[in-house]
Amino acid sequence: MSSEGKLGIVPIENSLEGPVNETLDNLFKFDDIFVNKIIELKINLVLASKEDINIKHIKNIYTHLYAYKEAQNSLRKLGITNNIIPVESTSKAALFALSDPNSAALCSEFAARLYGLKILAYRVQDYDNNITKFALISKNVSFRGERSMILFTVPDLPGSLYKVLEKFYVFNKNLKMIYSRPIRSIPWNYYFYAEYEGSYEEKLLNELKKVTTSLKFKGSYNIT
């Protein structure tokens, strides 16, 4: 969230790695956080350091775990088998590299230039068609948009998920994504993340409540 606590932007899905679990888990945990917009950005990763040093002399690499997954082969081709230190964002990685002259950050070119780092290698990602969706989040819920998001749980009984999917069919809603995640506070229990086409519809949500044990509407939004 921003310093005023009004807006935040978080990665929610990558075209290569799928949903960002940390973001989904926090959306499930915090009932007062909603998605207002989705922004698609092509990801171009760079390797950057405080000093213009030889890549072979780098001791540590700071990066976000998802960025590392998206660049493992490229790093290997550069001869990098260094200690990878995961941090909460690629921007934080650039900040850490700024204070550690024997390290580098695997981050966006924007983050590298923002913190005045020297770029040692460009286009470090393994695939050019690497796109990440970022969610603009706030404490204000939006009810209109081209897509909507819900998080829900179902009874541990045969056919429970089918009953949920049936509601989308009855209301002629195109389900774009459904994904299950473990509930961290309750071992061996799971919640579902679903994204579907269309704005908020009270009748649909009321019907979904009948076949779920919990249902969280996370907003309707446009994708840019």
C-alpha atoms as a PDB file:
ATOM      1  CA  MET A   1       0.000   0.000   0.000  1.00  0.00           C
ATOM      2  CA  SER A   2       1.081   3.621  -0.426  1.00  0.00           C
ATOM      3  CA  SER A   3       2.289   5.645   2.560  1.00  0.00           C
ATOM      4  CA  GLU A   4      -1.185   7.168   2.849  1.00  0.00           C
ATOM      5  CA  GLY A   5      -2.657   3.666   2.947  1.00  0.00           C
ATOM      6  CA  LYS A   6      -4.956   4.370  -0.014  1.00  0.00           C
ATOM      7  CA  LEU A   7      -3.500   2.548  -3.010  1.00  0.00           C
ATOM      8  CA  GLY A   8      -1.095  -0.261  -3.668  1.00  0.00           C
ATOM      9  CA  ILE A   9       0.129  -2.269  -6.640  1.00  0.00           C
ATOM     10  CA  VAL A  10       1.097  -5.931  -6.423  1.00  0.00           C
ATOM     11  CA  PRO A  11       1.914  -8.679  -8.941  1.00  0.00           C
ATOM     12  CA  ILE A  12      -0.953 -11.139  -9.240  1.00  0.00           C
ATOM     13  CA  GLU A  13      -0.155 -13.383 -12.218  1.00  0.00           C
ATOM     14  CA  ASN A  14       2.704 -14.092 -14.611  1.00  0.00           C
ATOM     15  CA  SER A  15       2.253 -15.504 -18.101  1.00  0.00           C
ATOM     16  CA  LEU A  16       4.985 -18.095 -17.487  1.00  0.00           C
ATOM     17  CA  GLU A  17       4.757 -18.905 -13.780  1.00  0.00           C
ATOM     18  CA  GLY A  18       1.027 -18.478 -13.166  1.00  0.00           C
ATOM     19  CA  PRO A  19      -0.658 -16.822 -10.155  1.00  0.00           C
ATOM     20  CA  VAL A  20       1.456 -15.102  -7.494  1.00  0.00           C
ATOM     21  CA  ASN A  21       0.620 -17.116  -4.396  1.00  0.00           C
ATOM     22  CA  GLU A  22       1.667 -14.483  -1.867  1.00  0.00           C
ATOM     23  CA  THR A  23      -0.714 -11.932  -3.379  1.00  0.00           C
ATOM     24  CA  LEU A  24      -3.638 -14.356  -3.488  1.00  0.00           C
ATOM     25  CA  ASP A  25      -3.034 -15.457   0.107  1.00  0.00           C
ATOM     26  CA  ASN A  26      -3.085 -11.864   1.313  1.00  0.00           C
ATOM     27  CA  LEU A  27      -6.263 -11.086  -0.631  1.00  0.00           C
ATOM     28  CA  PHE A  28      -7.841 -14.082   1.084  1.00  0.00           C
ATOM     29  CA  LYS A  29      -6.518 -13.058   4.497  1.00  0.00           C
ATOM     30  CA  PHE A  30      -7.566  -9.389   4.411  1.00  0.00           C
ATOM     31  CA  ASP A  31     -11.287  -8.884   3.821  1.00  0.00           C
ATOM     32  CA  ASP A  32     -10.957  -5.099   3.394  1.00  0.00           C
ATOM     33  CA  ILE A  33      -8.552  -5.164   0.427  1.00  0.00           C
ATOM     34  CA  PHE A  34     -10.052  -5.112  -3.076  1.00  0.00           C
ATOM     35  CA  VAL A  35      -8.810  -5.161  -6.672  1.00  0.00           C
ATOM     36  CA  ASN A  36      -9.687  -2.002  -8.643  1.00  0.00           C
ATOM     37  CA  LYS A  37      -7.714  -2.530 -11.853  1.00  0.00           C
ATOM     38  CA  ILE A  38      -5.363  -4.982 -13.570  1.00  0.00           C
ATOM     39  CA  ILE A  39      -2.334  -3.688 -15.494  1.00  0.00           C
ATOM     40  CA  GLU A  40      -0.412  -5.942 -17.898  1.00  0.00           C
ATOM     41  CA  LEU A  41       3.299  -5.187 -18.289  1.00  0.00           C
ATOM     42  CA  LYS A  42       5.962  -6.905 -20.365  1.00  0.00           C
ATOM     43  CA  ILE A  43       8.849  -7.869 -18.113  1.00  0.00           C
ATOM     44  CA  ASN A  44      12.429  -7.061 -19.136  1.00  0.00           C
ATOM     45  CA  LEU A  45      14.918  -8.091 -16.476  1.00  0.00           C
ATOM     46  CA  VAL A  46      18.453  -6.774 -16.099  1.00  0.00           C
ATOM     47  CA  LEU A  47      21.409  -7.659 -13.928  1.00  0.00           C
ATOM     48  CA  ALA A  48      22.641  -4.510 -12.188  1.00  0.00           C
ATOM     49  CA  SER A  49      25.236  -3.601  -9.581  1.00  0.00           C
ATOM     50  CA  LYS A  50      26.540  -0.569  -7.710  1.00  0.00           C
ATOM     51  CA  GLU A  51      29.898  -0.918  -9.477  1.00  0.00           C
ATOM     52  CA  ASP A  52      30.686  -1.786 -13.082  1.00  0.00           C
ATOM     53  CA  ILE A  53      32.250  -5.096 -12.077  1.00  0.00           C
ATOM     54  CA  ASN A  54      32.883  -8.379 -13.856  1.00  0.00           C
ATOM     55  CA  ILE A  55      29.888 -10.673 -13.503  1.00  0.00           C
ATOM     56  CA  LYS A  56      32.205 -13.459 -12.339  1.00  0.00           C
ATOM     57  CA  HIS A  57      33.098 -11.414  -9.252  1.00  0.00           C
ATOM     58  CA  ILE A  58      29.524 -11.067  -8.007  1.00  0.00           C
ATOM     59  CA  LYS A  59      29.038 -12.843  -4.669  1.00  0.00           C
ATOM     60  CA  ASN A  60      25.314 -12.379  -4.063  1.00  0.00           C
ATOM     61  CA  ILE A  61      22.285 -11.701  -6.236  1.00  0.00           C
ATOM     62  CA  TYR A  62      19.201 -10.071  -4.730  1.00  0.00           C
ATOM     63  CA  THR A  63      15.885 -10.642  -6.443  1.00  0.00           C
ATOM     64  CA  HIS A  64      12.258 -11.631  -6.042  1.00  0.00           C
ATOM     65  CA  LEU A  65      11.693 -15.381  -6.216  1.00  0.00           C
ATOM     66  CA  TYR A  66       9.408 -15.081  -9.251  1.00  0.00           C
ATOM     67  CA  ALA A  67      11.985 -13.010 -11.139  1.00  0.00           C
ATOM     68  CA  TYR A  68      14.602 -15.672 -10.415  1.00  0.00           C
ATOM     69  CA  LYS A  69      12.313 -18.406 -11.747  1.00  0.00           C
ATOM     70  CA  GLU A  70      11.867 -16.376 -14.930  1.00  0.00           C
ATOM     71  CA  ALA A  71      15.633 -16.025 -15.491  1.00  0.00           C
ATOM     72  CA  GLN A  72      17.293 -19.234 -14.275  1.00  0.00           C
ATOM     73  CA  ASN A  73      18.502 -20.399 -17.687  1.00  0.00           C
ATOM     74  CA  SER A  74      19.757 -16.949 -18.681  1.00  0.00           C
ATOM     75  CA  LEU A  75      21.703 -16.632 -15.430  1.00  0.00           C
ATOM     76  CA  ARG A  76      23.224 -20.059 -16.000  1.00  0.00           C
ATOM     77  CA  LYS A  77      24.337 -19.033 -19.496  1.00  0.00           C
ATOM     78  CA  LEU A  78      26.033 -15.987 -17.971  1.00  0.00           C
ATOM     79  CA  GLY A  79      27.973 -18.358 -15.732  1.00  0.00           C
ATOM     80  CA  ILE A  80      26.171 -17.215 -12.603  1.00  0.00           C
ATOM     81  CA  THR A  81      25.873 -19.799  -9.843  1.00  0.00           C
ATOM     82  CA  ASN A  82      26.054 -17.257  -7.048  1.00  0.00           C
ATOM     83  CA  ASN A  83      24.118 -17.130  -3.819  1.00  0.00           C
ATOM     84  CA  ILE A  84      20.571 -16.037  -4.645  1.00  0.00           C
ATOM     85  CA  ILE A  85      18.999 -13.952  -1.869  1.00  0.00           C
ATOM     86  CA  PRO A  86      15.199 -13.653  -2.206  1.00  0.00           C
ATOM     87  CA  VAL A  87      13.626 -10.332  -1.212  1.00  0.00           C
ATOM     88  CA  GLU A  88      10.044  -9.052  -1.296  1.00  0.00           C
ATOM     89  CA  SER A  89      10.288  -7.178  -4.611  1.00  0.00           C
ATOM     90  CA  THR A  90      12.701  -6.449  -7.451  1.00  0.00           C
ATOM     91  CA  SER A  91      12.746  -2.798  -6.370  1.00  0.00           C
ATOM     92  CA  LYS A  92      13.945  -3.887  -2.934  1.00  0.00           C
ATOM     93  CA  ALA A  93      16.556  -6.034  -4.693  1.00  0.00           C
ATOM     94  CA  ALA A  94      17.955  -2.932  -6.409  1.00  0.00           C
ATOM     95  CA  LEU A  95      18.033  -1.107  -3.079  1.00  0.00           C
ATOM     96  CA  PHE A  96      19.938  -3.936  -1.389  1.00  0.00           C
ATOM     97  CA  ALA A  97      22.433  -4.099  -4.267  1.00  0.00           C
ATOM     98  CA  LEU A  98      23.058  -0.379  -3.861  1.00  0.00           C
ATOM     99  CA  SER A  99      24.412  -0.959  -0.354  1.00  0.00           C
ATOM    100  CA  ASP A 100      26.376  -4.116  -1.195  1.00  0.00           C
ATOM    101  CA  PRO A 101      29.177  -3.445  -3.733  1.00  0.00           C
ATOM    102  CA  ASN A 102      29.949  -7.147  -4.210  1.00  0.00           C
ATOM    103  CA  SER A 103      26.392  -7.999  -5.165  1.00  0.00           C
ATOM    104  CA  ALA A 104      23.953  -7.487  -8.021  1.00  0.00           C
ATOM    105  CA  ALA A 105      20.207  -7.208  -8.410  1.00  0.00           C
ATOM    106  CA  LEU A 106      18.047  -9.092 -10.859  1.00  0.00           C
ATOM    107  CA  CYS A 107      15.415  -6.421 -11.406  1.00  0.00           C
ATOM    108  CA  SER A 108      13.658  -4.224 -13.943  1.00  0.00           C
ATOM    109  CA  GLU A 109      15.649  -1.665 -15.907  1.00  0.00           C
ATOM    110  CA  PHE A 110      13.484   1.037 -14.318  1.00  0.00           C
ATOM    111  CA  ALA A 111      14.446  -0.064 -10.787  1.00  0.00           C
ATOM    112  CA  ALA A 112      18.129  -0.238 -11.716  1.00  0.00           C
ATOM    113  CA  ARG A 113      18.161   3.301 -13.113  1.00  0.00           C
ATOM    114  CA  LEU A 114      16.010   4.606 -10.260  1.00  0.00           C
ATOM    115  CA  TYR A 115      18.702   3.612  -7.759  1.00  0.00           C
ATOM    116  CA  GLY A 116      21.641   4.548  -9.990  1.00  0.00           C
ATOM    117  CA  LEU A 117      22.931   1.024 -10.560  1.00  0.00           C
ATOM    118  CA  LYS A 118      25.243   0.007 -13.383  1.00  0.00           C
ATOM    119  CA  ILE A 119      23.555  -2.422 -15.770  1.00  0.00           C
ATOM    120  CA  LEU A 120      25.781  -5.442 -16.372  1.00  0.00           C
ATOM    121  CA  ALA A 121      23.422  -7.439 -18.617  1.00  0.00           C
ATOM    122  CA  TYR A 122      20.159  -6.705 -20.416  1.00  0.00           C
ATOM    123  CA  ARG A 123      17.188  -8.990 -21.219  1.00  0.00           C
ATOM    124  CA  VAL A 124      18.089 -11.625 -18.677  1.00  0.00           C
ATOM    125  CA  GLN A 125      14.634 -13.254 -18.732  1.00  0.00           C
ATOM    126  CA  ASP A 126      14.398 -16.703 -20.325  1.00  0.00           C
ATOM    127  CA  TYR A 127      11.448 -15.846 -22.588  1.00  0.00           C
ATOM    128  CA  ASP A 128      10.561 -12.658 -24.455  1.00  0.00           C
ATOM    129  CA  ASN A 129       6.813 -13.214 -24.020  1.00  0.00           C
ATOM    130  CA  ASN A 130       7.109 -12.677 -20.276  1.00  0.00           C
ATOM    131  CA  ILE A 131       4.106 -10.632 -19.111  1.00  0.00           C
ATOM    132  CA  THR A 132       3.038  -9.929 -15.543  1.00  0.00           C
ATOM    133  CA  LYS A 133      -0.363  -8.740 -14.410  1.00  0.00           C
ATOM    134  CA  PHE A 134      -0.255  -6.209 -11.582  1.00  0.00           C
ATOM    135  CA  ALA A 135      -3.303  -5.520  -9.418  1.00  0.00           C
ATOM    136  CA  LEU A 136      -4.121  -2.005  -8.275  1.00  0.00           C
ATOM    137  CA  ILE A 137      -5.536  -2.551  -4.785  1.00  0.00           C
ATOM    138  CA  SER A 138      -7.322  -0.382  -2.245  1.00  0.00           C
ATOM    139  CA  LYS A 139      -9.917  -0.528   0.525  1.00  0.00           C
ATOM    140  CA  ASN A 140     -12.617   0.632  -1.897  1.00  0.00           C
ATOM    141  CA  VAL A 141     -14.592  -2.022  -3.749  1.00  0.00           C
ATOM    142  CA  SER A 142     -15.517  -1.523  -7.411  1.00  0.00           C
ATOM    143  CA  PHE A 143     -18.665  -3.145  -8.833  1.00  0.00           C
ATOM    144  CA  ARG A 144     -18.195  -2.438 -12.553  1.00  0.00           C
ATOM    145  CA  GLY A 145     -15.593  -3.735 -14.977  1.00  0.00           C
ATOM    146  CA  GLU A 146     -14.844  -6.255 -17.703  1.00  0.00           C
ATOM    147  CA  ARG A 147     -13.862  -8.904 -15.140  1.00  0.00           C
ATOM    148  CA  SER A 148     -14.603  -9.810 -11.523  1.00  0.00           C
ATOM    149  CA  MET A 149     -12.764 -11.785  -8.848  1.00  0.00           C
ATOM    150  CA  ILE A 150     -13.989 -14.001  -6.034  1.00  0.00           C
ATOM    151  CA  LEU A 151     -12.297 -16.154  -3.399  1.00  0.00           C
ATOM    152  CA  PHE A 152     -14.277 -18.996  -1.877  1.00  0.00           C
ATOM    153  CA  THR A 153     -14.275 -22.272   0.038  1.00  0.00           C
ATOM    154  CA  VAL A 154     -16.561 -25.254  -0.446  1.00  0.00           C
ATOM    155  CA  PRO A 155     -17.704 -28.170   1.732  1.00  0.00           C
ATOM    156  CA  ASP A 156     -15.379 -31.183   1.756  1.00  0.00           C
ATOM    157  CA  LEU A 157     -17.913 -33.308  -0.109  1.00  0.00           C
ATOM    158  CA  PRO A 158     -18.166 -34.901  -3.574  1.00  0.00           C
ATOM    159  CA  GLY A 159     -19.548 -32.511  -6.175  1.00  0.00           C
ATOM    160  CA  SER A 160     -18.994 -29.335  -4.135  1.00  0.00           C
ATOM    161  CA  LEU A 161     -16.864 -27.601  -6.751  1.00  0.00           C
ATOM    162  CA  TYR A 162     -19.178 -28.787  -9.525  1.00  0.00           C
ATOM    163  CA  LYS A 163     -22.078 -26.966  -7.849  1.00  0.00           C
ATOM    164  CA  VAL A 164     -20.069 -23.726  -7.945  1.00  0.00           C
ATOM    165  CA  LEU A 165     -19.097 -24.147 -11.596  1.00  0.00           C
ATOM    166  CA  GLU A 166     -22.713 -24.913 -12.466  1.00  0.00           C
ATOM    167  CA  LYS A 167     -23.743 -21.442 -11.252  1.00  0.00           C
ATOM    168  CA  PHE A 168     -21.386 -19.817 -13.756  1.00  0.00           C
ATOM    169  CA  TYR A 169     -22.949 -21.910 -16.516  1.00  0.00           C
ATOM    170  CA  VAL A 170     -26.503 -21.007 -15.472  1.00  0.00           C
ATOM    171  CA  PHE A 171     -25.656 -17.284 -15.419  1.00  0.00           C
ATOM    172  CA  ASN A 172     -23.735 -17.557 -18.721  1.00  0.00           C
ATOM    173  CA  LYS A 173     -20.480 -16.335 -17.173  1.00  0.00           C
ATOM    174  CA  ASN A 174     -17.170 -17.205 -18.819  1.00  0.00           C
ATOM    175  CA  LEU A 175     -14.749 -18.383 -16.146  1.00  0.00           C
ATOM    176  CA  LYS A 176     -11.249 -17.154 -17.100  1.00  0.00           C
ATOM    177  CA  MET A 177      -9.260 -18.650 -14.229  1.00  0.00           C
ATOM    178  CA  ILE A 178      -9.788 -20.963 -11.278  1.00  0.00           C
ATOM    179  CA  TYR A 179      -6.974 -21.917  -8.939  1.00  0.00           C
ATOM    180  CA  SER A 180      -6.756 -23.583  -5.530  1.00  0.00           C
ATOM    181  CA  ARG A 181      -4.471 -22.609  -2.665  1.00  0.00           C
ATOM    182  CA  PRO A 182      -3.922 -24.104   0.810  1.00  0.00           C
ATOM    183  CA  ILE A 183      -5.319 -22.116   3.724  1.00  0.00           C
ATOM    184  CA  ARG A 184      -2.191 -21.454   5.761  1.00  0.00           C
ATOM    185  CA  SER A 185      -3.972 -21.311   9.111  1.00  0.00           C
ATOM    186  CA  ILE A 186      -5.848 -24.604   8.576  1.00  0.00           C
ATOM    187  CA  PRO A 187      -3.708 -27.553   7.355  1.00  0.00           C
ATOM    188  CA  TRP A 188      -5.124 -29.579   4.450  1.00  0.00           C
ATOM    189  CA  ASN A 189      -7.891 -27.086   3.763  1.00  0.00           C
ATOM    190  CA  TYR A 190      -8.055 -25.042   0.565  1.00  0.00           C
ATOM    191  CA  TYR A 191      -9.633 -21.944  -0.916  1.00  0.00           C
ATOM    192  CA  PHE A 192     -10.296 -21.155  -4.573  1.00  0.00           C
ATOM    193  CA  TYR A 193      -9.453 -18.038  -6.554  1.00  0.00           C
ATOM    194  CA  ALA A 194     -11.698 -17.415  -9.558  1.00  0.00           C
ATOM    195  CA  GLU A 195     -11.806 -14.687 -12.195  1.00  0.00           C
ATOM    196  CA  TYR A 196     -14.732 -14.388 -14.583  1.00  0.00           C
ATOM    197  CA  GLU A 197     -15.974 -12.064 -17.318  1.00  0.00           C
ATOM    198  CA  GLY A 198     -18.448  -9.364 -16.373  1.00  0.00           C
ATOM    199  CA  SER A 199     -19.325  -6.991 -13.557  1.00  0.00           C
ATOM    200  CA  TYR A 200     -20.762  -7.680 -10.117  1.00  0.00           C
ATOM    201  CA  GLU A 201     -24.182  -9.338 -10.160  1.00  0.00           C
ATOM    202  CA  GLU A 202     -26.010  -9.663  -6.866  1.00  0.00           C
ATOM    203  CA  LYS A 203     -28.121 -12.613  -8.063  1.00  0.00           C
ATOM    204  CA  LEU A 204     -25.025 -14.596  -9.050  1.00  0.00           C
ATOM    205  CA  LEU A 205     -23.301 -13.895  -5.739  1.00  0.00           C
ATOM    206  CA  ASN A 206     -26.414 -14.877  -3.800  1.00  0.00           C
ATOM    207  CA  GLU A 207     -26.560 -18.185  -5.663  1.00  0.00           C
ATOM    208  CA  LEU A 208     -22.850 -18.804  -5.073  1.00  0.00           C
ATOM    209  CA  LYS A 209     -23.332 -18.229  -1.350  1.00  0.00           C
ATOM    210  CA  LYS A 210     -25.751 -21.172  -1.304  1.00  0.00           C
ATOM    211  CA  VAL A 211     -23.070 -23.617  -2.486  1.00  0.00           C
ATOM    212  CA  THR A 212     -19.970 -22.249  -0.720  1.00  0.00           C
ATOM    213  CA  THR A 213     -18.896 -22.191   2.918  1.00  0.00           C
ATOM    214  CA  SER A 214     -17.312 -18.755   2.500  1.00  0.00           C
ATOM    215  CA  LEU A 215     -17.374 -16.263  -0.358  1.00  0.00           C
ATOM    216  CA  LYS A 216     -15.330 -13.084  -0.759  1.00  0.00           C
ATOM    217  CA  PHE A 217     -16.048 -10.697  -3.625  1.00  0.00           C
ATOM    218  CA  LYS A 218     -12.796  -8.905  -4.446  1.00  0.00           C
ATOM    219  CA  GLY A 219     -14.010  -6.424  -7.031  1.00  0.00           C
ATOM    220  CA  SER A 220     -14.844  -5.809 -10.681  1.00  0.00           C
ATOM    221  CA  TYR A 221     -12.163  -4.153 -12.802  1.00  0.00           C
ATOM    222  CA  ASN A 222     -10.810  -3.411 -16.254  1.00  0.00           C
ATOM    223  CA  ILE A 223      -7.552  -4.730 -17.686  1.00  0.00           C
ATOM    224  CA  THR A 224      -5.110  -2.366 -19.406  1.00  0.00           C
END
